[in-house]
C-alpha atoms as a PDB file:
ATOM      1  CA  MET A   1     -63.556 -39.499  14.874  1.00  0.00           C
ATOM      2  CA  LYS A   2     -59.928 -39.615  14.275  1.00  0.00           C
ATOM      3  CA  ASN A   3     -57.433 -42.686  14.462  1.00  0.00           C
ATOM      4  CA  ILE A   4     -54.078 -41.555  14.906  1.00  0.00           C
ATOM      5  CA  LYS A   5     -50.574 -43.167  14.243  1.00  0.00           C
ATOM      6  CA  VAL A   6     -47.385 -42.065  15.832  1.00  0.00           C
ATOM      7  CA  LYS A   7     -44.438 -44.223  15.065  1.00  0.00           C
ATOM      8  CA  VAL A   8     -41.143 -43.152  17.335  1.00  0.00           C
ATOM      9  CA  SER A   9     -38.584 -44.095  14.529  1.00  0.00           C
ATOM     10  CA  SER A  10     -40.528 -40.292  13.459  1.00  0.00           C
ATOM     11  CA  PHE A  11     -39.518 -38.861  16.539  1.00  0.00           C
ATOM     12  CA  THR A  12     -36.454 -40.133  16.847  1.00  0.00           C
ATOM     13  CA  LYS A  13     -34.372 -43.071  15.785  1.00  0.00           C
ATOM     14  CA  GLU A  14     -32.499 -43.122  19.467  1.00  0.00           C
ATOM     15  CA  PRO A  15     -35.300 -43.025  21.940  1.00  0.00           C
ATOM     16  CA  TYR A  16     -33.390 -42.679  25.399  1.00  0.00           C
ATOM     17  CA  GLY A  17     -34.148 -41.354  28.829  1.00  0.00           C
ATOM     18  CA  ARG A  18     -36.099 -40.148  30.826  1.00  0.00           C
ATOM     19  CA  TYR A  19     -36.402 -36.549  31.350  1.00  0.00           C
ATOM     20  CA  GLN A  20     -35.844 -33.753  28.629  1.00  0.00           C
ATOM     21  CA  LYS A  21     -34.224 -31.223  30.406  1.00  0.00           C
ATOM     22  CA  ILE A  22     -31.297 -34.032  30.951  1.00  0.00           C
ATOM     23  CA  ASP A  23     -31.543 -36.302  28.921  1.00  0.00           C
ATOM     24  CA  GLY A  24     -32.333 -33.879  25.842  1.00  0.00           C
ATOM     25  CA  THR A  25     -34.874 -34.047  22.342  1.00  0.00           C
ATOM     26  CA  SER A  26     -34.817 -37.524  22.393  1.00  0.00           C
ATOM     27  CA  SER A  27     -36.376 -38.600  25.998  1.00  0.00           C
ATOM     28  CA  GLY A  28     -39.678 -40.249  27.102  1.00  0.00           C
ATOM     29  CA  GLU A  29     -40.636 -36.945  28.740  1.00  0.00           C
ATOM     30  CA  GLN A  30     -41.042 -34.981  25.319  1.00  0.00           C
ATOM     31  CA  PHE A  31     -42.089 -37.521  23.362  1.00  0.00           C
ATOM     32  CA  ARG A  32     -45.164 -37.999  25.591  1.00  0.00           C
ATOM     33  CA  LYS A  33     -45.566 -34.450  25.422  1.00  0.00           C
ATOM     34  CA  GLU A  34     -45.648 -33.641  21.709  1.00  0.00           C
ATOM     35  CA  GLU A  35     -46.338 -37.174  20.394  1.00  0.00           C
ATOM     36  CA  ILE A  36     -49.226 -38.330  22.906  1.00  0.00           C
ATOM     37  CA  VAL A  37     -50.700 -36.670  25.416  1.00  0.00           C
ATOM     38  CA  LYS A  38     -52.145 -33.474  23.104  1.00  0.00           C
ATOM     39  CA  HIS A  39     -54.011 -36.764  20.582  1.00  0.00           C
ATOM     40  CA  LEU A  40     -55.486 -38.716  23.748  1.00  0.00           C
ATOM     41  CA  GLN A  41     -56.844 -35.029  25.155  1.00  0.00           C
ATOM     42  CA  ASN A  42     -58.577 -34.390  22.099  1.00  0.00           C
ATOM     43  CA  PRO A  43     -62.444 -34.871  21.915  1.00  0.00           C
ATOM     44  CA  GLU A  44     -61.575 -35.551  17.631  1.00  0.00           C
ATOM     45  CA  VAL A  45     -59.605 -38.736  18.592  1.00  0.00           C
ATOM     46  CA  GLU A  46     -60.911 -41.296  18.775  1.00  0.00           C
ATOM     47  CA  THR A  47     -58.181 -44.004  18.529  1.00  0.00           C
ATOM     48  CA  LEU A  48     -54.001 -43.459  19.218  1.00  0.00           C
ATOM     49  CA  THR A  49     -52.010 -46.064  18.221  1.00  0.00           C
ATOM     50  CA  VAL A  50     -48.168 -45.352  19.535  1.00  0.00           C
ATOM     51  CA  ILE A  51     -45.667 -47.974  17.527  1.00  0.00           C
ATOM     52  CA  LEU A  52     -42.502 -48.622  19.152  1.00  0.00           C
ATOM     53  CA  ASP A  53     -41.497 -49.985  16.076  1.00  0.00           C
ATOM     54  CA  ALA A  54     -37.524 -50.647  14.645  1.00  0.00           C
ATOM     55  CA  VAL A  55     -34.766 -47.950  16.301  1.00  0.00           C
ATOM     56  CA  ASN A  56     -31.406 -47.614  16.213  1.00  0.00           C
ATOM     57  CA  MET A  57     -31.204 -48.625  20.039  1.00  0.00           C
ATOM     58  CA  ASP A  58     -33.304 -51.174  22.917  1.00  0.00           C
ATOM     59  CA  TYR A  59     -36.243 -49.372  24.045  1.00  0.00           C
ATOM     60  CA  THR A  60     -34.267 -48.217  27.369  1.00  0.00           C
ATOM     61  CA  SER A  61     -36.659 -48.599  30.976  1.00  0.00           C
ATOM     62  CA  SER A  62     -36.361 -45.080  31.613  1.00  0.00           C
ATOM     63  CA  PHE A  63     -37.690 -44.060  28.284  1.00  0.00           C
ATOM     64  CA  LEU A  64     -40.735 -46.294  28.636  1.00  0.00           C
ATOM     65  CA  SER A  65     -41.742 -45.597  32.359  1.00  0.00           C
ATOM     66  CA  GLU A  66     -41.716 -42.018  31.322  1.00  0.00           C
ATOM     67  CA  ALA A  67     -43.486 -41.843  27.711  1.00  0.00           C
ATOM     68  CA  PHE A  68     -46.478 -44.326  29.054  1.00  0.00           C
ATOM     69  CA  GLY A  69     -46.352 -44.447  32.578  1.00  0.00           C
ATOM     70  CA  GLY A  70     -45.897 -40.705  32.448  1.00  0.00           C
ATOM     71  CA  LEU A  71     -49.210 -40.261  31.155  1.00  0.00           C
ATOM     72  CA  VAL A  72     -50.617 -41.074  34.685  1.00  0.00           C
ATOM     73  CA  THR A  73     -48.374 -39.453  36.624  1.00  0.00           C
ATOM     74  CA  LYS A  74     -47.608 -36.438  35.420  1.00  0.00           C
ATOM     75  CA  ASP A  75     -50.212 -35.488  33.060  1.00  0.00           C
ATOM     76  CA  LYS A  76     -53.393 -37.094  34.745  1.00  0.00           C
ATOM     77  CA  ILE A  77     -54.716 -37.919  31.816  1.00  0.00           C
ATOM     78  CA  SER A  78     -58.389 -39.812  32.611  1.00  0.00           C
ATOM     79  CA  ASP A  79     -58.894 -43.005  32.227  1.00  0.00           C
ATOM     80  CA  SER A  80     -61.178 -42.630  29.729  1.00  0.00           C
ATOM     81  CA  ASP A  81     -58.661 -40.999  27.161  1.00  0.00           C
ATOM     82  CA  LEU A  82     -56.349 -43.917  28.127  1.00  0.00           C
ATOM     83  CA  SER A  83     -58.384 -45.981  27.344  1.00  0.00           C
ATOM     84  CA  LYS A  84     -57.601 -44.664  23.499  1.00  0.00           C
ATOM     85  CA  LEU A  85     -54.790 -45.695  23.743  1.00  0.00           C
ATOM     86  CA  ILE A  86     -53.564 -48.696  21.919  1.00  0.00           C
ATOM     87  CA  ILE A  87     -49.589 -49.715  21.622  1.00  0.00           C
ATOM     88  CA  GLU A  88     -47.965 -51.335  18.775  1.00  0.00           C
ATOM     89  CA  ALA A  89     -44.574 -52.728  19.241  1.00  0.00           C
ATOM     90  CA  ASP A  90     -41.856 -55.117  16.880  1.00  0.00           C
ATOM     91  CA  ASP A  91     -40.818 -56.295  19.818  1.00  0.00           C
ATOM     92  CA  PRO A  92     -44.125 -58.015  22.292  1.00  0.00           C
ATOM     93  CA  LEU A  93     -41.913 -57.200  25.215  1.00  0.00           C
ATOM     94  CA  ASP A  94     -41.822 -53.569  24.802  1.00  0.00           C
ATOM     95  CA  LYS A  95     -45.594 -53.122  24.297  1.00  0.00           C
ATOM     96  CA  SER A  96     -46.240 -55.457  27.459  1.00  0.00           C
ATOM     97  CA  ARG A  97     -43.697 -53.439  29.255  1.00  0.00           C
ATOM     98  CA  SER A  98     -45.037 -50.261  28.007  1.00  0.00           C
ATOM     99  CA  GLU A  99     -48.681 -51.385  29.051  1.00  0.00           C
ATOM    100  CA  ARG A 100     -47.405 -52.757  32.665  1.00  0.00           C
ATOM    101  CA  TYR A 101     -45.708 -49.293  33.410  1.00  0.00           C
ATOM    102  CA  ILE A 102     -49.502 -47.973  32.767  1.00  0.00           C
ATOM    103  CA  SER A 103     -51.522 -50.375  34.585  1.00  0.00           C
ATOM    104  CA  SER A 104     -49.254 -49.998  37.625  1.00  0.00           C
ATOM    105  CA  PHE A 105     -49.504 -45.807  37.657  1.00  0.00           C
ATOM    106  CA  LYS A 106     -53.291 -46.379  37.634  1.00  0.00           C
ATOM    107  CA  SER A 107     -53.036 -49.512  40.305  1.00  0.00           C
ATOM    108  CA  LYS A 108     -51.134 -46.890  42.543  1.00  0.00           C
ATOM    109  CA  ARG A 109     -53.916 -44.282  41.544  1.00  0.00           C
ATOM    110  CA  ALA A 110     -56.805 -46.524  41.968  1.00  0.00           C
ATOM    111  CA  LYS A 111     -55.395 -47.455  45.855  1.00  0.00           C
ATOM    112  CA  LYS A 112     -55.441 -43.506  46.454  1.00  0.00           C
ATOM    113  CA  ASN A 113     -58.740 -43.082  45.500  1.00  0.00           C
ATOM    114  CA  ILE A 114     -58.097 -40.577  42.949  1.00  0.00           C
ATOM    115  CA  GLU A 115     -59.984 -40.202  40.069  1.00  0.00           C
ATOM    116  CA  PHE A 116     -58.779 -38.283  36.694  1.00  0.00           C
END
């Protein structure tokens, strides 16, 4: 089993925006698609640690919501695959916000009685 670590700073120094088409290659959507989903869906990966480390700007809510909440709403990642995800951050508020996006959308999914 593999334990993977992904640093946002290795992806971009300026994480910004929600959608790749509108906001460009530093968007939450692009980060989610390129750096998170492939590892969570890989059965050989035991844990994926995403590190919200020092970058040139603060993490925007649109970036975090799309990167993490989008795992539930867009990619339909299963609860068992989501359990592989560990979020670390230089700023505890960034970690809390990211985890809250996931749990909020998981809660909405549960209310609709949808299981992935």
